[in-house]
Amino acid sequence: MSDEKIKEDIELGRKEEDVYTEEGRGVLVEGDEITDQEAGFVKGYEEEEKVVFCQNCNKVLVDENFVEEEIDDDIVRFCSDECAEEYTRSTKKKEA
């Protein structure tokens, strides 16, 4: 069954939204029933990948949409430049 057919069946009520399918997650996100972060978490779980969180705000990092910084010889990932800057500022305050 094609992805479009599955999505159509979900939208027409012939099939339940299923958080464990790409199409189901898409419909649930569009309907504001789950967030992008929740969809990303389930997708990572399905693909048996390690789920990575923003070091500052704990948001699930989805796909390649993240910022990497090297801090104290470690690679740290953030959801945005703003979170990276906030984390760096708070870390420097703790060290002072």
PDB file of N, CA and C in Angstrom:
ATOM      1  N   MET A   1       0.853  -1.168   0.000  1.00  0.00           N
ATOM      2  CA  MET A   1       0.000   0.000   0.000  1.00  0.00           C
ATOM      3  C   MET A   1       0.906   1.241   0.000  1.00  0.00           C
ATOM      4  N   SER A   2       0.602   2.199  -0.849  1.00  0.00           N
ATOM      5  CA  SER A   2       1.445   3.384  -0.966  1.00  0.00           C
ATOM      6  C   SER A   2       1.270   4.303   0.241  1.00  0.00           C
ATOM      7  N   ASP A   3       2.292   5.135   0.468  1.00  0.00           N
ATOM      8  CA  ASP A   3       2.244   6.090   1.575  1.00  0.00           C
ATOM      9  C   ASP A   3       1.046   7.021   1.449  1.00  0.00           C
ATOM     10  N   GLU A   4       0.772   7.483   0.234  1.00  0.00           N
ATOM     11  CA  GLU A   4      -0.361   8.384   0.009  1.00  0.00           C
ATOM     12  C   GLU A   4      -1.686   7.694   0.303  1.00  0.00           C
ATOM     13  N   LYS A   5      -1.821   6.420  -0.068  1.00  0.00           N
ATOM     14  CA  LYS A   5      -3.041   5.662   0.179  1.00  0.00           C
ATOM     15  C   LYS A   5      -3.259   5.492   1.681  1.00  0.00           C
ATOM     16  N   ILE A   6      -2.204   5.189   2.398  1.00  0.00           N
ATOM     17  CA  ILE A   6      -2.307   5.033   3.854  1.00  0.00           C
ATOM     18  C   ILE A   6      -2.738   6.344   4.484  1.00  0.00           C
ATOM     19  N   LYS A   7      -2.103   7.454   4.065  1.00  0.00           N
ATOM     20  CA  LYS A   7      -2.456   8.767   4.607  1.00  0.00           C
ATOM     21  C   LYS A   7      -3.913   9.102   4.288  1.00  0.00           C
ATOM     22  N   GLU A   8      -4.341   8.815   3.085  1.00  0.00           N
ATOM     23  CA  GLU A   8      -5.736   9.067   2.687  1.00  0.00           C
ATOM     24  C   GLU A   8      -6.698   8.252   3.550  1.00  0.00           C
ATOM     25  N   ASP A   9      -6.385   6.970   3.771  1.00  0.00           N
ATOM     26  CA  ASP A   9      -7.239   6.116   4.600  1.00  0.00           C
ATOM     27  C   ASP A   9      -7.337   6.653   6.028  1.00  0.00           C
ATOM     28  N   ILE A  10      -6.236   7.155   6.550  1.00  0.00           N
ATOM     29  CA  ILE A  10      -6.244   7.726   7.901  1.00  0.00           C
ATOM     30  C   ILE A  10      -7.130   8.966   7.930  1.00  0.00           C
ATOM     31  N   GLU A  11      -6.939   9.846   6.950  1.00  0.00           N
ATOM     32  CA  GLU A  11      -7.706  11.089   6.915  1.00  0.00           C
ATOM     33  C   GLU A  11      -9.199  10.840   6.728  1.00  0.00           C
ATOM     34  N   LEU A  12      -9.560   9.783   6.020  1.00  0.00           N
ATOM     35  CA  LEU A  12     -10.969   9.469   5.781  1.00  0.00           C
ATOM     36  C   LEU A  12     -11.573   8.587   6.878  1.00  0.00           C
ATOM     37  N   GLY A  13     -10.762   8.227   7.869  1.00  0.00           N
ATOM     38  CA  GLY A  13     -11.266   7.444   8.983  1.00  0.00           C
ATOM     39  C   GLY A  13     -11.345   5.952   8.735  1.00  0.00           C
ATOM     40  N   ARG A  14     -10.800   5.496   7.617  1.00  0.00           N
ATOM     41  CA  ARG A  14     -10.820   4.060   7.326  1.00  0.00           C
ATOM     42  C   ARG A  14      -9.704   3.332   8.063  1.00  0.00           C
ATOM     43  N   LYS A  15      -8.745   4.088   8.545  1.00  0.00           N
ATOM     44  CA  LYS A  15      -7.603   3.507   9.253  1.00  0.00           C
ATOM     45  C   LYS A  15      -7.260   4.446  10.401  1.00  0.00           C
ATOM     46  N   GLU A  16      -6.881   3.880  11.543  1.00  0.00           N
ATOM     47  CA  GLU A  16      -6.517   4.678  12.708  1.00  0.00           C
ATOM     48  C   GLU A  16      -5.136   5.311  12.516  1.00  0.00           C
ATOM     49  N   GLU A  17      -4.966   6.509  13.099  1.00  0.00           N
ATOM     50  CA  GLU A  17      -3.632   7.101  13.123  1.00  0.00           C
ATOM     51  C   GLU A  17      -2.751   6.198  13.976  1.00  0.00           C
ATOM     52  N   ASP A  18      -1.587   5.930  13.493  1.00  0.00           N
ATOM     53  CA  ASP A  18      -0.669   5.050  14.208  1.00  0.00           C
ATOM     54  C   ASP A  18       0.655   5.772  14.370  1.00  0.00           C
ATOM     55  N   VAL A  19       1.007   6.055  15.606  1.00  0.00           N
ATOM     56  CA  VAL A  19       2.232   6.786  15.878  1.00  0.00           C
ATOM     57  C   VAL A  19       3.466   6.010  15.407  1.00  0.00           C
ATOM     58  N   TYR A  20       3.307   4.723  15.149  1.00  0.00           N
ATOM     59  CA  TYR A  20       4.421   3.896  14.729  1.00  0.00           C
ATOM     60  C   TYR A  20       4.572   3.788  13.210  1.00  0.00           C
ATOM     61  N   THR A  21       3.823   4.622  12.474  1.00  0.00           N
ATOM     62  CA  THR A  21       4.030   4.710  11.029  1.00  0.00           C
ATOM     63  C   THR A  21       4.317   6.162  10.669  1.00  0.00           C
ATOM     64  N   GLU A  22       5.107   6.354   9.639  1.00  0.00           N
ATOM     65  CA  GLU A  22       5.454   7.704   9.187  1.00  0.00           C
ATOM     66  C   GLU A  22       4.197   8.493   8.836  1.00  0.00           C
ATOM     67  N   GLU A  23       3.281   7.865   8.128  1.00  0.00           N
ATOM     68  CA  GLU A  23       2.048   8.533   7.712  1.00  0.00           C
ATOM     69  C   GLU A  23       1.181   8.885   8.925  1.00  0.00           C
ATOM     70  N   GLY A  24       1.067   7.957   9.847  1.00  0.00           N
ATOM     71  CA  GLY A  24       0.276   8.200  11.054  1.00  0.00           C
ATOM     72  C   GLY A  24       0.840   9.342  11.881  1.00  0.00           C
ATOM     73  N   ARG A  25       2.171   9.360  12.029  1.00  0.00           N
ATOM     74  CA  ARG A  25       2.803  10.456  12.765  1.00  0.00           C
ATOM     75  C   ARG A  25       2.539  11.781  12.070  1.00  0.00           C
ATOM     76  N   GLY A  26       2.602  11.793  10.734  1.00  0.00           N
ATOM     77  CA  GLY A  26       2.356  13.020   9.984  1.00  0.00           C
ATOM     78  C   GLY A  26       0.967  13.564  10.243  1.00  0.00           C
ATOM     79  N   VAL A  27      -0.016  12.693  10.238  1.00  0.00           N
ATOM     80  CA  VAL A  27      -1.399  13.115  10.494  1.00  0.00           C
ATOM     81  C   VAL A  27      -1.538  13.607  11.940  1.00  0.00           C
ATOM     82  N   LEU A  28      -0.932  12.907  12.885  1.00  0.00           N
ATOM     83  CA  LEU A  28      -1.019  13.304  14.288  1.00  0.00           C
ATOM     84  C   LEU A  28      -0.343  14.653  14.530  1.00  0.00           C
ATOM     85  N   VAL A  29       0.790  14.908  13.882  1.00  0.00           N
ATOM     86  CA  VAL A  29       1.468  16.194  14.022  1.00  0.00           C
ATOM     87  C   VAL A  29       0.620  17.297  13.396  1.00  0.00           C
ATOM     88  N   GLU A  30       0.097  17.043  12.206  1.00  0.00           N
ATOM     89  CA  GLU A  30      -0.739  18.045  11.525  1.00  0.00           C
ATOM     90  C   GLU A  30      -1.970  18.383  12.363  1.00  0.00           C
ATOM     91  N   GLY A  31      -2.513  17.426  13.055  1.00  0.00           N
ATOM     92  CA  GLY A  31      -3.695  17.638  13.892  1.00  0.00           C
ATOM     93  C   GLY A  31      -3.359  18.120  15.292  1.00  0.00           C
ATOM     94  N   ASP A  32      -2.090  18.447  15.541  1.00  0.00           N
ATOM     95  CA  ASP A  32      -1.617  18.912  16.849  1.00  0.00           C
ATOM     96  C   ASP A  32      -1.904  17.913  17.966  1.00  0.00           C
ATOM     97  N   GLU A  33      -1.955  16.638  17.621  1.00  0.00           N
ATOM     98  CA  GLU A  33      -2.167  15.605  18.636  1.00  0.00           C
ATOM     99  C   GLU A  33      -0.856  15.147  19.258  1.00  0.00           C
ATOM    100  N   ILE A  34       0.241  15.284  18.503  1.00  0.00           N
ATOM    101  CA  ILE A  34       1.580  15.066  19.034  1.00  0.00           C
ATOM    102  C   ILE A  34       2.479  16.170  18.483  1.00  0.00           C
ATOM    103  N   THR A  35       3.599  16.392  19.150  1.00  0.00           N
ATOM    104  CA  THR A  35       4.541  17.426  18.704  1.00  0.00           C
ATOM    105  C   THR A  35       5.567  16.824  17.748  1.00  0.00           C
ATOM    106  N   ASP A  36       6.294  17.695  17.069  1.00  0.00           N
ATOM    107  CA  ASP A  36       7.387  17.238  16.216  1.00  0.00           C
ATOM    108  C   ASP A  36       8.406  16.443  17.027  1.00  0.00           C
ATOM    109  N   GLN A  37       8.648  16.893  18.251  1.00  0.00           N
ATOM    110  CA  GLN A  37       9.619  16.214  19.106  1.00  0.00           C
ATOM    111  C   GLN A  37       9.155  14.799  19.443  1.00  0.00           C
ATOM    112  N   GLU A  38       7.864  14.656  19.755  1.00  0.00           N
ATOM    113  CA  GLU A  38       7.341  13.324  20.053  1.00  0.00           C
ATOM    114  C   GLU A  38       7.415  12.421  18.831  1.00  0.00           C
ATOM    115  N   ALA A  39       7.108  12.982  17.663  1.00  0.00           N
ATOM    116  CA  ALA A  39       7.203  12.208  16.426  1.00  0.00           C
ATOM    117  C   ALA A  39       8.652  11.782  16.181  1.00  0.00           C
ATOM    118  N   GLY A  40       9.578  12.695  16.409  1.00  0.00           N
ATOM    119  CA  GLY A  40      10.999  12.379  16.242  1.00  0.00           C
ATOM    120  C   GLY A  40      11.471  11.312  17.202  1.00  0.00           C
ATOM    121  N   PHE A  41      10.976  11.374  18.427  1.00  0.00           N
ATOM    122  CA  PHE A  41      11.337  10.374  19.420  1.00  0.00           C
ATOM    123  C   PHE A  41      10.884   8.984  18.976  1.00  0.00           C
ATOM    124  N   VAL A  42       9.633   8.880  18.521  1.00  0.00           N
ATOM    125  CA  VAL A  42       9.103   7.589  18.086  1.00  0.00           C
ATOM    126  C   VAL A  42       9.850   7.104  16.846  1.00  0.00           C
ATOM    127  N   LYS A  43      10.144   8.029  15.931  1.00  0.00           N
ATOM    128  CA  LYS A  43      10.879   7.648  14.725  1.00  0.00           C
ATOM    129  C   LYS A  43      12.240   7.078  15.105  1.00  0.00           C
ATOM    130  N   GLY A  44      12.932   7.723  16.017  1.00  0.00           N
ATOM    131  CA  GLY A  44      14.225   7.227  16.471  1.00  0.00           C
ATOM    132  C   GLY A  44      14.107   5.874  17.145  1.00  0.00           C
ATOM    133  N   TYR A  45      13.064   5.707  17.925  1.00  0.00           N
ATOM    134  CA  TYR A  45      12.819   4.426  18.588  1.00  0.00           C
ATOM    135  C   TYR A  45      12.609   3.324  17.554  1.00  0.00           C
ATOM    136  N   GLU A  46      11.805   3.642  16.544  1.00  0.00           N
ATOM    137  CA  GLU A  46      11.529   2.653  15.503  1.00  0.00           C
ATOM    138  C   GLU A  46      12.789   2.243  14.767  1.00  0.00           C
ATOM    139  N   GLU A  47      13.624   3.205  14.486  1.00  0.00           N
ATOM    140  CA  GLU A  47      14.832   2.943  13.713  1.00  0.00           C
ATOM    141  C   GLU A  47      15.960   2.439  14.591  1.00  0.00           C
ATOM    142  N   GLU A  48      15.642   2.236  15.876  1.00  0.00           N
ATOM    143  CA  GLU A  48      16.598   1.756  16.857  1.00  0.00           C
ATOM    144  C   GLU A  48      17.848   2.617  16.902  1.00  0.00           C
ATOM    145  N   GLU A  49      17.642   3.902  16.715  1.00  0.00           N
ATOM    146  CA  GLU A  49      18.745   4.839  16.815  1.00  0.00           C
ATOM    147  C   GLU A  49      18.760   5.422  18.221  1.00  0.00           C
ATOM    148  N   LYS A  50      19.906   5.916  18.599  1.00  0.00           N
ATOM    149  CA  LYS A  50      20.005   6.592  19.869  1.00  0.00           C
ATOM    150  C   LYS A  50      19.322   7.945  19.737  1.00  0.00           C
ATOM    151  N   VAL A  51      18.404   8.234  20.628  1.00  0.00           N
ATOM    152  CA  VAL A  51      17.726   9.526  20.619  1.00  0.00           C
ATOM    153  C   VAL A  51      18.661  10.539  21.265  1.00  0.00           C
ATOM    154  N   VAL A  52      18.840  11.674  20.587  1.00  0.00           N
ATOM    155  CA  VAL A  52      19.741  12.709  21.076  1.00  0.00           C
ATOM    156  C   VAL A  52      18.912  13.916  21.485  1.00  0.00           C
ATOM    157  N   PHE A  53      19.257  14.478  22.629  1.00  0.00           N
ATOM    158  CA  PHE A  53      18.541  15.615  23.168  1.00  0.00           C
ATOM    159  C   PHE A  53      19.436  16.855  23.165  1.00  0.00           C
ATOM    160  N   CYS A  54      18.803  18.026  23.075  1.00  0.00           N
ATOM    161  CA  CYS A  54      19.516  19.293  23.211  1.00  0.00           C
ATOM    162  C   CYS A  54      20.100  19.347  24.616  1.00  0.00           C
ATOM    163  N   GLN A  55      21.367  19.689  24.713  1.00  0.00           N
ATOM    164  CA  GLN A  55      22.052  19.725  25.999  1.00  0.00           C
ATOM    165  C   GLN A  55      21.472  20.807  26.916  1.00  0.00           C
ATOM    166  N   ASN A  56      20.841  21.823  26.327  1.00  0.00           N
ATOM    167  CA  ASN A  56      20.321  22.934  27.119  1.00  0.00           C
ATOM    168  C   ASN A  56      18.867  22.747  27.522  1.00  0.00           C
ATOM    169  N   CYS A  57      17.991  22.431  26.574  1.00  0.00           N
ATOM    170  CA  CYS A  57      16.549  22.404  26.870  1.00  0.00           C
ATOM    171  C   CYS A  57      15.938  21.009  26.815  1.00  0.00           C
ATOM    172  N   ASN A  58      16.727  20.003  26.474  1.00  0.00           N
ATOM    173  CA  ASN A  58      16.296  18.597  26.408  1.00  0.00           C
ATOM    174  C   ASN A  58      15.309  18.285  25.290  1.00  0.00           C
ATOM    175  N   LYS A  59      15.198  19.150  24.298  1.00  0.00           N
ATOM    176  CA  LYS A  59      14.349  18.892  23.135  1.00  0.00           C
ATOM    177  C   LYS A  59      14.985  17.761  22.327  1.00  0.00           C
ATOM    178  N   VAL A  60      14.165  16.863  21.792  1.00  0.00           N
ATOM    179  CA  VAL A  60      14.668  15.779  20.947  1.00  0.00           C
ATOM    180  C   VAL A  60      15.177  16.386  19.643  1.00  0.00           C
ATOM    181  N   LEU A  61      16.387  16.024  19.267  1.00  0.00           N
ATOM    182  CA  LEU A  61      16.970  16.533  18.026  1.00  0.00           C
ATOM    183  C   LEU A  61      16.590  15.593  16.897  1.00  0.00           C
ATOM    184  N   VAL A  62      15.875  16.139  15.922  1.00  0.00           N
ATOM    185  CA  VAL A  62      15.336  15.363  14.820  1.00  0.00           C
ATOM    186  C   VAL A  62      16.175  15.606  13.575  1.00  0.00           C
ATOM    187  N   ASP A  63      16.474  14.530  12.846  1.00  0.00           N
ATOM    188  CA  ASP A  63      17.223  14.587  11.596  1.00  0.00           C
ATOM    189  C   ASP A  63      18.551  15.302  11.795  1.00  0.00           C
ATOM    190  N   GLU A  64      18.882  16.202  10.887  1.00  0.00           N
ATOM    191  CA  GLU A  64      20.161  16.920  10.940  1.00  0.00           C
ATOM    192  C   GLU A  64      19.973  18.355  11.405  1.00  0.00           C
ATOM    193  N   ASN A  65      18.825  18.663  11.998  1.00  0.00           N
ATOM    194  CA  ASN A  65      18.534  20.027  12.421  1.00  0.00           C
ATOM    195  C   ASN A  65      19.048  20.280  13.830  1.00  0.00           C
ATOM    196  N   PHE A  66      20.376  20.407  13.959  1.00  0.00           N
ATOM    197  CA  PHE A  66      20.952  20.700  15.266  1.00  0.00           C
ATOM    198  C   PHE A  66      22.266  21.443  15.089  1.00  0.00           C
ATOM    199  N   VAL A  67      22.750  21.995  16.189  1.00  0.00           N
ATOM    200  CA  VAL A  67      23.999  22.747  16.217  1.00  0.00           C
ATOM    201  C   VAL A  67      24.977  21.949  17.070  1.00  0.00           C
ATOM    202  N   GLU A  68      26.188  21.791  16.578  1.00  0.00           N
ATOM    203  CA  GLU A  68      27.222  21.102  17.349  1.00  0.00           C
ATOM    204  C   GLU A  68      28.275  22.107  17.799  1.00  0.00           C
ATOM    205  N   GLU A  69      28.685  21.976  19.041  1.00  0.00           N
ATOM    206  CA  GLU A  69      29.746  22.804  19.599  1.00  0.00           C
ATOM    207  C   GLU A  69      30.743  21.885  20.302  1.00  0.00           C
ATOM    208  N   GLU A  70      32.013  22.244  20.252  1.00  0.00           N
ATOM    209  CA  GLU A  70      33.008  21.507  21.030  1.00  0.00           C
ATOM    210  C   GLU A  70      33.219  22.254  22.331  1.00  0.00           C
ATOM    211  N   ILE A  71      32.919  21.589  23.430  1.00  0.00           N
ATOM    212  CA  ILE A  71      33.043  22.194  24.754  1.00  0.00           C
ATOM    213  C   ILE A  71      33.845  21.230  25.615  1.00  0.00           C
ATOM    214  N   ASP A  72      34.970  21.722  26.121  1.00  0.00           N
ATOM    215  CA  ASP A  72      35.852  20.896  26.958  1.00  0.00           C
ATOM    216  C   ASP A  72      36.188  19.567  26.294  1.00  0.00           C
ATOM    217  N   ASP A  73      36.546  19.625  25.025  1.00  0.00           N
ATOM    218  CA  ASP A  73      36.949  18.458  24.236  1.00  0.00           C
ATOM    219  C   ASP A  73      35.821  17.455  23.981  1.00  0.00           C
ATOM    220  N   ASP A  74      34.587  17.840  24.238  1.00  0.00           N
ATOM    221  CA  ASP A  74      33.433  16.992  23.946  1.00  0.00           C
ATOM    222  C   ASP A  74      32.575  17.666  22.885  1.00  0.00           C
ATOM    223  N   ILE A  75      31.963  16.880  22.013  1.00  0.00           N
ATOM    224  CA  ILE A  75      31.004  17.405  21.038  1.00  0.00           C
ATOM    225  C   ILE A  75      29.639  17.415  21.721  1.00  0.00           C
ATOM    226  N   VAL A  76      29.036  18.599  21.780  1.00  0.00           N
ATOM    227  CA  VAL A  76      27.749  18.780  22.436  1.00  0.00           C
ATOM    228  C   VAL A  76      26.757  19.277  21.389  1.00  0.00           C
ATOM    229  N   ARG A  77      25.536  18.753  21.418  1.00  0.00           N
ATOM    230  CA  ARG A  77      24.536  19.117  20.415  1.00  0.00           C
ATOM    231  C   ARG A  77      23.415  19.936  21.048  1.00  0.00           C
ATOM    232  N   PHE A  78      22.925  20.894  20.249  1.00  0.00           N
ATOM    233  CA  PHE A  78      21.859  21.791  20.680  1.00  0.00           C
ATOM    234  C   PHE A  78      20.823  21.902  19.576  1.00  0.00           C
ATOM    235  N   CYS A  79      19.590  22.288  19.946  1.00  0.00           N
ATOM    236  CA  CYS A  79      18.520  22.438  18.966  1.00  0.00           C
ATOM    237  C   CYS A  79      18.634  23.750  18.192  1.00  0.00           C
ATOM    238  N   SER A  80      19.375  24.728  18.734  1.00  0.00           N
ATOM    239  CA  SER A  80      19.484  26.030  18.075  1.00  0.00           C
ATOM    240  C   SER A  80      20.739  26.750  18.544  1.00  0.00           C
ATOM    241  N   ASP A  81      21.102  27.794  17.806  1.00  0.00           N
ATOM    242  CA  ASP A  81      22.227  28.638  18.219  1.00  0.00           C
ATOM    243  C   ASP A  81      21.935  29.287  19.569  1.00  0.00           C
ATOM    244  N   GLU A  82      20.670  29.660  19.785  1.00  0.00           N
ATOM    245  CA  GLU A  82      20.288  30.310  21.033  1.00  0.00           C
ATOM    246  C   GLU A  82      20.531  29.392  22.230  1.00  0.00           C
ATOM    247  N   CYS A  83      20.169  28.120  22.095  1.00  0.00           N
ATOM    248  CA  CYS A  83      20.396  27.163  23.183  1.00  0.00           C
ATOM    249  C   CYS A  83      21.890  26.952  23.413  1.00  0.00           C
ATOM    250  N   ALA A  84      22.664  26.900  22.336  1.00  0.00           N
ATOM    251  CA  ALA A  84      24.118  26.745  22.469  1.00  0.00           C
ATOM    252  C   ALA A  84      24.709  27.926  23.231  1.00  0.00           C
ATOM    253  N   GLU A  85      24.273  29.135  22.873  1.00  0.00           N
ATOM    254  CA  GLU A  85      24.780  30.338  23.545  1.00  0.00           C
ATOM    255  C   GLU A  85      24.360  30.375  25.010  1.00  0.00           C
ATOM    256  N   GLU A  86      23.098  30.033  25.274  1.00  0.00           N
ATOM    257  CA  GLU A  86      22.602  30.032  26.657  1.00  0.00           C
ATOM    258  C   GLU A  86      23.364  29.014  27.499  1.00  0.00           C
ATOM    259  N   TYR A  87      23.589  27.827  26.940  1.00  0.00           N
ATOM    260  CA  TYR A  87      24.330  26.786  27.656  1.00  0.00           C
ATOM    261  C   TYR A  87      25.754  27.253  27.948  1.00  0.00           C
ATOM    262  N   THR A  88      26.403  27.849  26.955  1.00  0.00           N
ATOM    263  CA  THR A  88      27.768  28.337  27.134  1.00  0.00           C
ATOM    264  C   THR A  88      27.824  29.410  28.209  1.00  0.00           C
ATOM    265  N   ARG A  89      26.867  30.344  28.174  1.00  0.00           N
ATOM    266  CA  ARG A  89      26.833  31.403  29.201  1.00  0.00           C
ATOM    267  C   ARG A  89      26.632  30.810  30.595  1.00  0.00           C
ATOM    268  N   SER A  90      25.698  29.874  30.724  1.00  0.00           N
ATOM    269  CA  SER A  90      25.424  29.303  32.047  1.00  0.00           C
ATOM    270  C   SER A  90      26.603  28.466  32.545  1.00  0.00           C
ATOM    271  N   THR A  91      27.305  27.802  31.640  1.00  0.00           N
ATOM    272  CA  THR A  91      28.466  27.002  32.011  1.00  0.00           C
ATOM    273  C   THR A  91      29.588  27.905  32.513  1.00  0.00           C
ATOM    274  N   LYS A  92      29.792  29.036  31.812  1.00  0.00           N
ATOM    275  CA  LYS A  92      30.845  29.974  32.232  1.00  0.00           C
ATOM    276  C   LYS A  92      30.529  30.585  33.590  1.00  0.00           C
ATOM    277  N   LYS A  93      29.239  30.852  33.861  1.00  0.00           N
ATOM    278  CA  LYS A  93      28.859  31.397  35.173  1.00  0.00           C
ATOM    279  C   LYS A  93      29.160  30.416  36.288  1.00  0.00           C
ATOM    280  N   LYS A  94      28.919  29.125  36.028  1.00  0.00           N
ATOM    281  CA  LYS A  94      29.164  28.098  37.037  1.00  0.00           C
ATOM    282  C   LYS A  94      30.654  27.957  37.315  1.00  0.00           C
ATOM    283  N   GLU A  95      31.484  28.178  36.284  1.00  0.00           N
ATOM    284  CA  GLU A  95      32.938  28.040  36.442  1.00  0.00           C
ATOM    285  C   GLU A  95      33.532  29.222  37.185  1.00  0.00           C
ATOM    286  N   ALA A  96      32.863  30.362  37.131  1.00  0.00           N
ATOM    287  CA  ALA A  96      33.399  31.593  37.749  1.00  0.00           C
ATOM    288  C   ALA A  96      33.216  31.620  39.236  1.00  0.00           C
TER     289      ALA A  96
END
